[in-house]
C-alpha cells in the first residue's frame, strides 16, 4: 500500500474523530439550551418534561432552534466523514489486495524459474 493511501486513511480518520467531537459538543449545547429554557420558564430545569404535542414543547423548540440546527449540521457532517473514511478504506483494501496478488504472481514466476 502506498504512503499516500495510508496518509489519506489517517487524515480521514482524524476528520471523523473531529466530527464525532463536534456532534458531542452540539448535543451538550442543545441539552444546556433546553435546561436554560426550562429554568427561565419554571425557575428550575431538573426533571421538567414536556409532551411533544404541547405548546410548551413547541416554544422550547423555537427558543433553541440555533442549537438544534447546529446539532443537525454536526450529524450531517459526521455522516459525510464516516462515508469518506469508508471509501478511503475500501480503496486501501483494493490496493492491498492488488499488491498481494502481484506479489504472489511474481513469487510463482520466480519459483518456476528455479
PDB file of N, CA and C in Angstrom:
ATOM      1  N   UNK A   1       0.851  -1.168   0.000  1.00  0.00           N
ATOM      2  CA  UNK A   1       0.000   0.000   0.000  1.00  0.00           C
ATOM      3  C   UNK A   1       0.898   1.233   0.000  1.00  0.00           C
ATOM      4  N   UNK A   2       0.485   2.232  -0.729  1.00  0.00           N
ATOM      5  CA  UNK A   2       1.305   3.434  -0.846  1.00  0.00           C
ATOM      6  C   UNK A   2       1.193   4.303   0.402  1.00  0.00           C
ATOM      7  N   UNK A   3       2.203   5.109   0.573  1.00  0.00           N
ATOM      8  CA  UNK A   3       2.224   6.043   1.686  1.00  0.00           C
ATOM      9  C   UNK A   3       1.094   7.064   1.549  1.00  0.00           C
ATOM     10  N   UNK A   4       0.786   7.439   0.333  1.00  0.00           N
ATOM     11  CA  UNK A   4      -0.302   8.399   0.087  1.00  0.00           C
ATOM     12  C   UNK A   4      -1.642   7.827   0.537  1.00  0.00           C
ATOM     13  N   UNK A   5      -1.851   6.542   0.272  1.00  0.00           N
ATOM     14  CA  UNK A   5      -3.103   5.899   0.678  1.00  0.00           C
ATOM     15  C   UNK A   5      -3.194   5.831   2.193  1.00  0.00           C
ATOM     16  N   UNK A   6      -2.103   5.472   2.842  1.00  0.00           N
ATOM     17  CA  UNK A   6      -2.089   5.438   4.300  1.00  0.00           C
ATOM     18  C   UNK A   6      -2.347   6.820   4.881  1.00  0.00           C
ATOM     19  N   UNK A   7      -1.736   7.827   4.288  1.00  0.00           N
ATOM     20  CA  UNK A   7      -1.944   9.196   4.756  1.00  0.00           C
ATOM     21  C   UNK A   7      -3.400   9.615   4.588  1.00  0.00           C
ATOM     22  N   UNK A   8      -3.993   9.248   3.455  1.00  0.00           N
ATOM     23  CA  UNK A   8      -5.399   9.593   3.219  1.00  0.00           C
ATOM     24  C   UNK A   8      -6.300   8.957   4.265  1.00  0.00           C
ATOM     25  N   UNK A   9      -6.086   7.680   4.555  1.00  0.00           N
ATOM     26  CA  UNK A   9      -6.900   6.988   5.556  1.00  0.00           C
ATOM     27  C   UNK A   9      -6.707   7.655   6.924  1.00  0.00           C
ATOM     28  N   UNK A  10      -5.482   7.983   7.257  1.00  0.00           N
ATOM     29  CA  UNK A  10      -5.209   8.636   8.539  1.00  0.00           C
ATOM     30  C   UNK A  10      -5.887   9.990   8.666  1.00  0.00           C
ATOM     31  N   UNK A  11      -5.815  10.779   7.611  1.00  0.00           N
ATOM     32  CA  UNK A  11      -6.451  12.100   7.624  1.00  0.00           C
ATOM     33  C   UNK A  11      -7.964  11.960   7.740  1.00  0.00           C
ATOM     34  N   UNK A  12      -8.529  11.020   7.006  1.00  0.00           N
ATOM     35  CA  UNK A  12      -9.981  10.809   7.058  1.00  0.00           C
ATOM     36  C   UNK A  12     -10.398  10.341   8.457  1.00  0.00           C
ATOM     37  N   UNK A  13      -9.572   9.520   9.100  1.00  0.00           N
ATOM     38  CA  UNK A  13      -9.878   9.062  10.455  1.00  0.00           C
ATOM     39  C   UNK A  13      -9.854  10.234  11.438  1.00  0.00           C
ATOM     40  N   UNK A  14      -8.890  11.127  11.269  1.00  0.00           N
ATOM     41  CA  UNK A  14      -8.829  12.308  12.127  1.00  0.00           C
ATOM     42  C   UNK A  14     -10.042  13.209  11.912  1.00  0.00           C
ATOM     43  N   UNK A  15     -10.452  13.368  10.676  1.00  0.00           N
ATOM     44  CA  UNK A  15     -11.646  14.171  10.383  1.00  0.00           C
ATOM     45  C   UNK A  15     -12.896  13.542  10.981  1.00  0.00           C
ATOM     46  N   UNK A  16     -12.959  12.220  10.962  1.00  0.00           N
ATOM     47  CA  UNK A  16     -14.087  11.537  11.574  1.00  0.00           C
ATOM     48  C   UNK A  16     -14.115  11.815  13.072  1.00  0.00           C
ATOM     49  N   UNK A  17     -12.973  11.732  13.728  1.00  0.00           N
ATOM     50  CA  UNK A  17     -12.931  11.992  15.168  1.00  0.00           C
ATOM     51  C   UNK A  17     -13.340  13.428  15.468  1.00  0.00           C
ATOM     52  N   UNK A  18     -12.913  14.373  14.635  1.00  0.00           N
ATOM     53  CA  UNK A  18     -13.326  15.765  14.814  1.00  0.00           C
ATOM     54  C   UNK A  18     -14.845  15.898  14.684  1.00  0.00           C
ATOM     55  N   UNK A  19     -15.430  15.194  13.725  1.00  0.00           N
ATOM     56  CA  UNK A  19     -16.877  15.248  13.520  1.00  0.00           C
ATOM     57  C   UNK A  19     -17.613  14.641  14.720  1.00  0.00           C
ATOM     58  N   UNK A  20     -17.078  13.562  15.272  1.00  0.00           N
ATOM     59  CA  UNK A  20     -17.670  12.952  16.461  1.00  0.00           C
ATOM     60  C   UNK A  20     -17.642  13.943  17.622  1.00  0.00           C
ATOM     61  N   UNK A  21     -16.511  14.604  17.809  1.00  0.00           N
ATOM     62  CA  UNK A  21     -16.380  15.583  18.892  1.00  0.00           C
ATOM     63  C   UNK A  21     -17.336  16.763  18.697  1.00  0.00           C
ATOM     64  N   UNK A  22     -17.480  17.231  17.452  1.00  0.00           N
ATOM     65  CA  UNK A  22     -18.393  18.339  17.179  1.00  0.00           C
ATOM     66  C   UNK A  22     -19.831  17.948  17.474  1.00  0.00           C
ATOM     67  N   UNK A  23     -20.199  16.719  17.139  1.00  0.00           N
ATOM     68  CA  UNK A  23     -21.560  16.263  17.411  1.00  0.00           C
ATOM     69  C   UNK A  23     -21.807  16.199  18.907  1.00  0.00           C
ATOM     70  N   UNK A  24     -20.845  15.679  19.662  1.00  0.00           N
ATOM     71  CA  UNK A  24     -20.997  15.614  21.124  1.00  0.00           C
ATOM     72  C   UNK A  24     -21.155  17.014  21.716  1.00  0.00           C
ATOM     73  N   UNK A  25     -20.339  17.932  21.234  1.00  0.00           N
ATOM     74  CA  UNK A  25     -20.404  19.303  21.728  1.00  0.00           C
ATOM     75  C   UNK A  25     -21.749  19.940  21.393  1.00  0.00           C
ATOM     76  N   UNK A  26     -22.230  19.720  20.186  1.00  0.00           N
ATOM     77  CA  UNK A  26     -23.526  20.267  19.773  1.00  0.00           C
ATOM     78  C   UNK A  26     -24.656  19.659  20.596  1.00  0.00           C
ATOM     79  N   UNK A  27     -24.570  18.371  20.885  1.00  0.00           N
ATOM     80  CA  UNK A  27     -25.599  17.712  21.704  1.00  0.00           C
ATOM     81  C   UNK A  27     -25.630  18.315  23.102  1.00  0.00           C
ATOM     82  N   UNK A  28     -24.437  18.515  23.683  1.00  0.00           N
ATOM     83  CA  UNK A  28     -24.360  19.110  25.027  1.00  0.00           C
ATOM     84  C   UNK A  28     -24.917  20.537  25.021  1.00  0.00           C
ATOM     85  N   UNK A  29     -24.608  21.279  23.969  1.00  0.00           N
ATOM     86  CA  UNK A  29     -25.106  22.652  23.867  1.00  0.00           C
ATOM     87  C   UNK A  29     -26.631  22.675  23.772  1.00  0.00           C
ATOM     88  N   UNK A  30     -27.195  21.751  23.017  1.00  0.00           N
ATOM     89  CA  UNK A  30     -28.647  21.684  22.908  1.00  0.00           C
ATOM     90  C   UNK A  30     -29.271  21.295  24.245  1.00  0.00           C
ATOM     91  N   UNK A  31     -28.696  20.310  24.914  1.00  0.00           N
ATOM     92  CA  UNK A  31     -29.206  19.919  26.232  1.00  0.00           C
ATOM     93  C   UNK A  31     -29.138  21.087  27.216  1.00  0.00           C
ATOM     94  N   UNK A  32     -28.037  21.832  27.174  1.00  0.00           N
ATOM     95  CA  UNK A  32     -27.889  23.003  28.051  1.00  0.00           C
ATOM     96  C   UNK A  32     -28.916  24.072  27.698  1.00  0.00           C
ATOM     97  N   UNK A  33     -29.195  24.246  26.415  1.00  0.00           N
ATOM     98  CA  UNK A  33     -30.198  25.230  25.991  1.00  0.00           C
ATOM     99  C   UNK A  33     -31.590  24.816  26.465  1.00  0.00           C
ATOM    100  N   UNK A  34     -31.891  23.518  26.393  1.00  0.00           N
ATOM    101  CA  UNK A  34     -33.174  23.033  26.907  1.00  0.00           C
ATOM    102  C   UNK A  34     -33.293  23.318  28.408  1.00  0.00           C
ATOM    103  N   UNK A  35     -32.242  23.013  29.147  1.00  0.00           N
ATOM    104  CA  UNK A  35     -32.241  23.236  30.598  1.00  0.00           C
ATOM    105  C   UNK A  35     -32.386  24.716  30.915  1.00  0.00           C
ATOM    106  N   UNK A  36     -31.652  25.556  30.202  1.00  0.00           N
ATOM    107  CA  UNK A  36     -31.740  27.005  30.432  1.00  0.00           C
ATOM    108  C   UNK A  36     -33.141  27.516  30.137  1.00  0.00           C
ATOM    109  N   UNK A  37     -33.747  27.014  29.085  1.00  0.00           N
ATOM    110  CA  UNK A  37     -35.112  27.424  28.748  1.00  0.00           C
ATOM    111  C   UNK A  37     -36.066  27.047  29.879  1.00  0.00           C
ATOM    112  N   UNK A  38     -35.952  25.822  30.348  1.00  0.00           N
ATOM    113  CA  UNK A  38     -36.847  25.352  31.415  1.00  0.00           C
ATOM    114  C   UNK A  38     -36.630  26.137  32.705  1.00  0.00           C
ATOM    115  N   UNK A  39     -35.374  26.504  32.987  1.00  0.00           N
ATOM    116  CA  UNK A  39     -35.102  27.303  34.174  1.00  0.00           C
ATOM    117  C   UNK A  39     -35.724  28.688  34.058  1.00  0.00           C
ATOM    118  N   UNK A  40     -35.639  29.288  32.877  1.00  0.00           N
ATOM    119  CA  UNK A  40     -36.241  30.602  32.671  1.00  0.00           C
ATOM    120  C   UNK A  40     -37.763  30.537  32.816  1.00  0.00           C
ATOM    121  N   UNK A  41     -38.357  29.477  32.301  1.00  0.00           N
ATOM    122  CA  UNK A  41     -39.818  29.364  32.309  1.00  0.00           C
ATOM    123  C   UNK A  41     -40.379  28.950  33.671  1.00  0.00           C
ATOM    124  N   UNK A  42     -39.640  28.085  34.376  1.00  0.00           N
ATOM    125  CA  UNK A  42     -40.212  27.481  35.583  1.00  0.00           C
ATOM    126  C   UNK A  42     -39.363  27.674  36.833  1.00  0.00           C
ATOM    127  N   UNK A  43     -38.242  28.322  36.705  1.00  0.00           N
ATOM    128  CA  UNK A  43     -37.390  28.530  37.870  1.00  0.00           C
ATOM    129  C   UNK A  43     -36.573  27.319  38.255  1.00  0.00           C
ATOM    130  N   UNK A  44     -36.600  26.301  37.470  1.00  0.00           N
ATOM    131  CA  UNK A  44     -35.800  25.099  37.715  1.00  0.00           C
ATOM    132  C   UNK A  44     -35.791  24.271  36.449  1.00  0.00           C
ATOM    133  N   UNK A  45     -34.728  23.533  36.209  1.00  0.00           N
ATOM    134  CA  UNK A  45     -34.638  22.779  34.963  1.00  0.00           C
ATOM    135  C   UNK A  45     -34.679  21.286  35.150  1.00  0.00           C
ATOM    136  N   UNK A  46     -34.511  20.858  36.382  1.00  0.00           N
ATOM    137  CA  UNK A  46     -34.395  19.431  36.611  1.00  0.00           C
ATOM    138  C   UNK A  46     -35.728  18.710  36.602  1.00  0.00           C
ATOM    139  N   UNK A  47     -35.843  17.704  35.811  1.00  0.00           N
ATOM    140  CA  UNK A  47     -36.993  16.829  35.824  1.00  0.00           C
ATOM    141  C   UNK A  47     -38.222  17.320  35.080  1.00  0.00           C
ATOM    142  N   UNK A  48     -38.181  18.513  34.537  1.00  0.00           N
ATOM    143  CA  UNK A  48     -39.340  19.027  33.807  1.00  0.00           C
ATOM    144  C   UNK A  48     -39.326  18.438  32.406  1.00  0.00           C
ATOM    145  N   UNK A  49     -40.467  17.847  32.033  1.00  0.00           N
ATOM    146  CA  UNK A  49     -40.579  17.252  30.698  1.00  0.00           C
ATOM    147  C   UNK A  49     -41.852  17.774  30.051  1.00  0.00           C
ATOM    148  N   UNK A  50     -41.766  17.990  28.758  1.00  0.00           N
ATOM    149  CA  UNK A  50     -42.923  18.454  28.005  1.00  0.00           C
ATOM    150  C   UNK A  50     -43.384  17.350  27.062  1.00  0.00           C
ATOM    151  N   UNK A  51     -44.689  17.226  26.892  1.00  0.00           N
ATOM    152  CA  UNK A  51     -45.210  16.324  25.870  1.00  0.00           C
ATOM    153  C   UNK A  51     -44.864  16.910  24.506  1.00  0.00           C
ATOM    154  N   UNK A  52     -44.534  16.057  23.577  1.00  0.00           N
ATOM    155  CA  UNK A  52     -44.122  16.527  22.254  1.00  0.00           C
ATOM    156  C   UNK A  52     -45.210  17.298  21.516  1.00  0.00           C
ATOM    157  N   UNK A  53     -46.448  17.076  21.882  1.00  0.00           N
ATOM    158  CA  UNK A  53     -47.525  17.783  21.192  1.00  0.00           C
ATOM    159  C   UNK A  53     -48.025  19.001  21.970  1.00  0.00           C
ATOM    160  N   UNK A  54     -47.297  19.387  23.029  1.00  0.00           N
ATOM    161  CA  UNK A  54     -47.721  20.529  23.835  1.00  0.00           C
ATOM    162  C   UNK A  54     -47.187  21.843  23.263  1.00  0.00           C
ATOM    163  N   UNK A  55     -47.836  22.933  23.652  1.00  0.00           N
ATOM    164  CA  UNK A  55     -47.388  24.265  23.245  1.00  0.00           C
ATOM    165  C   UNK A  55     -46.033  24.600  23.873  1.00  0.00           C
ATOM    166  N   UNK A  56     -45.828  24.178  25.109  1.00  0.00           N
ATOM    167  CA  UNK A  56     -44.548  24.439  25.788  1.00  0.00           C
ATOM    168  C   UNK A  56     -43.380  23.805  25.025  1.00  0.00           C
ATOM    169  N   UNK A  57     -43.589  22.601  24.545  1.00  0.00           N
ATOM    170  CA  UNK A  57     -42.546  21.909  23.781  1.00  0.00           C
ATOM    171  C   UNK A  57     -42.244  22.678  22.500  1.00  0.00           C
ATOM    172  N   UNK A  58     -43.280  23.125  21.822  1.00  0.00           N
ATOM    173  CA  UNK A  58     -43.087  23.897  20.584  1.00  0.00           C
ATOM    174  C   UNK A  58     -42.343  25.193  20.860  1.00  0.00           C
ATOM    175  N   UNK A  59     -42.683  25.865  21.958  1.00  0.00           N
ATOM    176  CA  UNK A  59     -41.987  27.107  22.322  1.00  0.00           C
ATOM    177  C   UNK A  59     -40.518  26.839  22.647  1.00  0.00           C
ATOM    178  N   UNK A  60     -40.263  25.727  23.333  1.00  0.00           N
ATOM    179  CA  UNK A  60     -38.881  25.378  23.661  1.00  0.00           C
ATOM    180  C   UNK A  60     -38.078  25.121  22.374  1.00  0.00           C
ATOM    181  N   UNK A  61     -38.692  24.433  21.414  1.00  0.00           N
ATOM    182  CA  UNK A  61     -38.004  24.166  20.149  1.00  0.00           C
ATOM    183  C   UNK A  61     -37.700  25.452  19.405  1.00  0.00           C
ATOM    184  N   UNK A  62     -38.630  26.388  19.427  1.00  0.00           N
ATOM    185  CA  UNK A  62     -38.388  27.680  18.780  1.00  0.00           C
ATOM    186  C   UNK A  62     -37.250  28.435  19.464  1.00  0.00           C
ATOM    187  N   UNK A  63     -37.225  28.374  20.787  1.00  0.00           N
ATOM    188  CA  UNK A  63     -36.201  29.090  21.545  1.00  0.00           C
ATOM    189  C   UNK A  63     -34.810  28.475  21.376  1.00  0.00           C
ATOM    190  N   UNK A  64     -34.753  27.202  21.036  1.00  0.00           N
ATOM    191  CA  UNK A  64     -33.464  26.507  20.922  1.00  0.00           C
ATOM    192  C   UNK A  64     -33.161  26.102  19.481  1.00  0.00           C
ATOM    193  N   UNK A  65     -33.755  26.807  18.542  1.00  0.00           N
ATOM    194  CA  UNK A  65     -33.598  26.461  17.124  1.00  0.00           C
ATOM    195  C   UNK A  65     -32.139  26.515  16.667  1.00  0.00           C
ATOM    196  N   UNK A  66     -31.392  27.519  17.122  1.00  0.00           N
ATOM    197  CA  UNK A  66     -29.986  27.652  16.704  1.00  0.00           C
ATOM    198  C   UNK A  66     -29.169  26.438  17.142  1.00  0.00           C
ATOM    199  N   UNK A  67     -29.358  26.013  18.393  1.00  0.00           N
ATOM    200  CA  UNK A  67     -28.618  24.860  18.906  1.00  0.00           C
ATOM    201  C   UNK A  67     -29.058  23.575  18.204  1.00  0.00           C
ATOM    202  N   UNK A  68     -30.351  23.482  17.915  1.00  0.00           N
ATOM    203  CA  UNK A  68     -30.853  22.296  17.211  1.00  0.00           C
ATOM    204  C   UNK A  68     -30.293  22.235  15.795  1.00  0.00           C
ATOM    205  N   UNK A  69     -30.225  23.371  15.124  1.00  0.00           N
ATOM    206  CA  UNK A  69     -29.651  23.416  13.770  1.00  0.00           C
ATOM    207  C   UNK A  69     -28.179  23.022  13.787  1.00  0.00           C
ATOM    208  N   UNK A  70     -27.460  23.474  14.820  1.00  0.00           N
ATOM    209  CA  UNK A  70     -26.042  23.117  14.940  1.00  0.00           C
ATOM    210  C   UNK A  70     -25.878  21.612  15.111  1.00  0.00           C
ATOM    211  N   UNK A  71     -26.771  20.997  15.884  1.00  0.00           N
ATOM    212  CA  UNK A  71     -26.708  19.545  16.068  1.00  0.00           C
ATOM    213  C   UNK A  71     -27.021  18.824  14.755  1.00  0.00           C
ATOM    214  N   UNK A  72     -28.022  19.287  14.039  1.00  0.00           N
ATOM    215  CA  UNK A  72     -28.358  18.664  12.747  1.00  0.00           C
ATOM    216  C   UNK A  72     -27.190  18.755  11.777  1.00  0.00           C
ATOM    217  N   UNK A  73     -26.549  19.910  11.736  1.00  0.00           N
ATOM    218  CA  UNK A  73     -25.382  20.090  10.864  1.00  0.00           C
ATOM    219  C   UNK A  73     -24.249  19.155  11.283  1.00  0.00           C
ATOM    220  N   UNK A  74     -24.022  19.040  12.590  1.00  0.00           N
ATOM    221  CA  UNK A  74     -22.955  18.165  13.095  1.00  0.00           C
ATOM    222  C   UNK A  74     -23.237  16.702  12.749  1.00  0.00           C
ATOM    223  N   UNK A  75     -24.505  16.289  12.839  1.00  0.00           N
ATOM    224  CA  UNK A  75     -24.864  14.910  12.473  1.00  0.00           C
ATOM    225  C   UNK A  75     -24.630  14.668  10.984  1.00  0.00           C
ATOM    226  N   UNK A  76     -24.996  15.643  10.169  1.00  0.00           N
ATOM    227  CA  UNK A  76     -24.794  15.524   8.725  1.00  0.00           C
ATOM    228  C   UNK A  76     -23.305  15.419   8.408  1.00  0.00           C
ATOM    229  N   UNK A  77     -22.502  16.297   9.023  1.00  0.00           N
ATOM    230  CA  UNK A  77     -21.053  16.277   8.803  1.00  0.00           C
ATOM    231  C   UNK A  77     -20.433  14.966   9.280  1.00  0.00           C
ATOM    232  N   UNK A  78     -20.955  14.415  10.352  1.00  0.00           N
ATOM    233  CA  UNK A  78     -20.468  13.124  10.846  1.00  0.00           C
ATOM    234  C   UNK A  78     -20.722  12.030   9.820  1.00  0.00           C
ATOM    235  N   UNK A  79     -21.908  12.025   9.230  1.00  0.00           N
ATOM    236  CA  UNK A  79     -22.213  11.041   8.191  1.00  0.00           C
ATOM    237  C   UNK A  79     -21.284  11.174   6.998  1.00  0.00           C
ATOM    238  N   UNK A  80     -21.012  12.423   6.595  1.00  0.00           N
ATOM    239  CA  UNK A  80     -20.080  12.635   5.485  1.00  0.00           C
ATOM    240  C   UNK A  80     -18.690  12.095   5.816  1.00  0.00           C
ATOM    241  N   UNK A  81     -18.231  12.368   7.028  1.00  0.00           N
ATOM    242  CA  UNK A  81     -16.901  11.913   7.444  1.00  0.00           C
ATOM    243  C   UNK A  81     -16.836  10.392   7.502  1.00  0.00           C
ATOM    244  N   UNK A  82     -17.907   9.766   7.980  1.00  0.00           N
ATOM    245  CA  UNK A  82     -17.937   8.301   8.044  1.00  0.00           C
ATOM    246  C   UNK A  82     -17.869   7.689   6.649  1.00  0.00           C
ATOM    247  N   UNK A  83     -18.668   8.227   5.728  1.00  0.00           N
ATOM    248  CA  UNK A  83     -18.668   7.693   4.360  1.00  0.00           C
ATOM    249  C   UNK A  83     -17.331   7.949   3.664  1.00  0.00           C
ATOM    250  N   UNK A  84     -16.732   9.100   3.932  1.00  0.00           N
ATOM    251  CA  UNK A  84     -15.451   9.422   3.325  1.00  0.00           C
ATOM    252  C   UNK A  84     -14.357   8.454   3.796  1.00  0.00           C
ATOM    253  N   UNK A  85     -14.330   8.178   5.096  1.00  0.00           N
ATOM    254  CA  UNK A  85     -13.351   7.220   5.624  1.00  0.00           C
ATOM    255  C   UNK A  85     -13.618   5.829   5.071  1.00  0.00           C
ATOM    256  N   UNK A  86     -14.872   5.461   4.972  1.00  0.00           N
ATOM    257  CA  UNK A  86     -15.217   4.142   4.435  1.00  0.00           C
ATOM    258  C   UNK A  86     -14.703   3.985   3.001  1.00  0.00           C
ATOM    259  N   UNK A  87     -14.901   5.018   2.179  1.00  0.00           N
ATOM    260  CA  UNK A  87     -14.417   4.949   0.792  1.00  0.00           C
ATOM    261  C   UNK A  87     -12.892   4.863   0.750  1.00  0.00           C
ATOM    262  N   UNK A  88     -12.218   5.632   1.587  1.00  0.00           N
ATOM    263  CA  UNK A  88     -10.750   5.589   1.620  1.00  0.00           C
ATOM    264  C   UNK A  88     -10.255   4.212   2.058  1.00  0.00           C
ATOM    265  N   UNK A  89     -10.927   3.602   3.024  1.00  0.00           N
ATOM    266  CA  UNK A  89     -10.535   2.266   3.480  1.00  0.00           C
ATOM    267  C   UNK A  89     -10.775   1.222   2.390  1.00  0.00           C
ATOM    268  N   UNK A  90     -11.866   1.361   1.648  1.00  0.00           N
ATOM    269  CA  UNK A  90     -12.128   0.422   0.551  1.00  0.00           C
ATOM    270  C   UNK A  90     -11.057   0.542  -0.522  1.00  0.00           C
ATOM    271  N   UNK A  91     -10.659   1.775  -0.840  1.00  0.00           N
ATOM    272  CA  UNK A  91      -9.577   1.962  -1.832  1.00  0.00           C
ATOM    273  C   UNK A  91      -8.280   1.356  -1.323  1.00  0.00           C
ATOM    274  N   UNK A  92      -7.984   1.543  -0.053  1.00  0.00           N
ATOM    275  CA  UNK A  92      -6.758   0.981   0.534  1.00  0.00           C
ATOM    276  C   UNK A  92      -6.806  -0.540   0.504  1.00  0.00           C
ATOM    277  N   UNK A  93      -7.968  -1.108   0.799  1.00  0.00           N
ATOM    278  CA  UNK A  93      -8.118  -2.563   0.772  1.00  0.00           C
ATOM    279  C   UNK A  93      -7.892  -3.106  -0.642  1.00  0.00           C
ATOM    280  N   UNK A  94      -8.460  -2.433  -1.638  1.00  0.00           N
ATOM    281  CA  UNK A  94      -8.248  -2.855  -3.025  1.00  0.00           C
ATOM    282  C   UNK A  94      -6.778  -2.777  -3.392  1.00  0.00           C
ATOM    283  N   UNK A  95      -6.137  -1.713  -2.947  1.00  0.00           N
ATOM    284  CA  UNK A  95      -4.710  -1.548  -3.239  1.00  0.00           C
ATOM    285  C   UNK A  95      -3.896  -2.649  -2.574  1.00  0.00           C
ATOM    286  N   UNK A  96      -4.234  -2.984  -1.351  1.00  0.00           N
ATOM    287  CA  UNK A  96      -3.541  -4.073  -0.658  1.00  0.00           C
ATOM    288  C   UNK A  96      -3.756  -5.400  -1.374  1.00  0.00           C
ATOM    289  N   UNK A  97      -5.000  -5.644  -1.769  1.00  0.00           N
ATOM    290  CA  UNK A  97      -5.331  -6.886  -2.456  1.00  0.00           C
ATOM    291  C   UNK A  97      -4.590  -6.988  -3.783  1.00  0.00           C
ATOM    292  N   UNK A  98      -4.558  -5.882  -4.523  1.00  0.00           N
ATOM    293  CA  UNK A  98      -3.849  -5.877  -5.806  1.00  0.00           C
ATOM    294  C   UNK A  98      -2.357  -6.091  -5.598  1.00  0.00           C
ATOM    295  N   UNK A  99      -1.814  -5.471  -4.561  1.00  0.00           N
ATOM    296  CA  UNK A  99      -0.393  -5.640  -4.266  1.00  0.00           C
ATOM    297  C   UNK A  99      -0.058  -7.061  -3.872  1.00  0.00           C
ATOM    298  N   UNK A 100      -0.919  -7.681  -3.084  1.00  0.00           N
ATOM    299  CA  UNK A 100      -0.699  -9.063  -2.659  1.00  0.00           C
ATOM    300  C   UNK A 100      -0.799 -10.007  -3.853  1.00  0.00           C
ATOM    301  N   UNK A 101      -1.744  -9.741  -4.751  1.00  0.00           N
ATOM    302  CA  UNK A 101      -1.883 -10.578  -5.942  1.00  0.00           C
ATOM    303  C   UNK A 101      -0.656 -10.463  -6.832  1.00  0.00           C
ATOM    304  N   UNK A 102      -0.163  -9.262  -7.009  1.00  0.00           N
ATOM    305  CA  UNK A 102       1.028  -9.051  -7.835  1.00  0.00           C
ATOM    306  C   UNK A 102       2.244  -9.721  -7.210  1.00  0.00           C
ATOM    307  N   UNK A 103       2.360  -9.605  -5.897  1.00  0.00           N
ATOM    308  CA  UNK A 103       3.484 -10.226  -5.199  1.00  0.00           C
ATOM    309  C   UNK A 103       3.429 -11.744  -5.327  1.00  0.00           C
ATOM    310  N   UNK A 104       2.243 -12.321  -5.210  1.00  0.00           N
ATOM    311  CA  UNK A 104       2.083 -13.767  -5.339  1.00  0.00           C
ATOM    312  C   UNK A 104       2.426 -14.223  -6.758  1.00  0.00           C
ATOM    313  N   UNK A 105       2.036 -13.435  -7.766  1.00  0.00           N
ATOM    314  CA  UNK A 105       2.342 -13.779  -9.160  1.00  0.00           C
ATOM    315  C   UNK A 105       3.838 -13.761  -9.395  1.00  0.00           C
ATOM    316  N   UNK A 106       4.512 -12.756  -8.879  1.00  0.00           N
ATOM    317  CA  UNK A 106       5.974 -12.682  -9.033  1.00  0.00           C
ATOM    318  C   UNK A 106       6.626 -13.865  -8.339  1.00  0.00           C
ATOM    319  N   UNK A 107       6.142 -14.231  -7.162  1.00  0.00           N
ATOM    320  CA  UNK A 107       6.701 -15.369  -6.430  1.00  0.00           C
ATOM    321  C   UNK A 107       6.531 -16.662  -7.224  1.00  0.00           C
ATOM    322  N   UNK A 108       5.356 -16.860  -7.831  1.00  0.00           N
ATOM    323  CA  UNK A 108       5.120 -18.066  -8.641  1.00  0.00           C
ATOM    324  C   UNK A 108       6.057 -18.105  -9.841  1.00  0.00           C
ATOM    325  N   UNK A 109       6.238 -16.976 -10.499  1.00  0.00           N
ATOM    326  CA  UNK A 109       7.142 -16.910 -11.664  1.00  0.00           C
ATOM    327  C   UNK A 109       8.556 -17.234 -11.242  1.00  0.00           C
ATOM    328  N   UNK A 110       8.981 -16.698 -10.102  1.00  0.00           N
ATOM    329  CA  UNK A 110      10.338 -16.943  -9.612  1.00  0.00           C
ATOM    330  C   UNK A 110      10.524 -18.422  -9.246  1.00  0.00           C
ATOM    331  N   UNK A 111       9.487 -19.046  -8.676  1.00  0.00           N
ATOM    332  CA  UNK A 111       9.586 -20.454  -8.303  1.00  0.00           C
ATOM    333  C   UNK A 111       9.698 -21.329  -9.549  1.00  0.00           C
ATOM    334  N   UNK A 112       8.966 -20.978 -10.601  1.00  0.00           N
ATOM    335  CA  UNK A 112       9.024 -21.732 -11.839  1.00  0.00           C
ATOM    336  C   UNK A 112      10.391 -21.584 -12.500  1.00  0.00           C
ATOM    337  N   UNK A 113      11.004 -20.434 -12.338  1.00  0.00           N
ATOM    338  CA  UNK A 113      12.296 -20.173 -12.955  1.00  0.00           C
ATOM    339  C   UNK A 113      13.397 -20.991 -12.318  1.00  0.00           C
ATOM    340  N   UNK A 114      13.221 -21.397 -11.081  1.00  0.00           N
ATOM    341  CA  UNK A 114      14.259 -22.147 -10.364  1.00  0.00           C
ATOM    342  C   UNK A 114      14.257 -23.564 -10.716  1.00  0.00           C
TER     343      UNK A 114
END
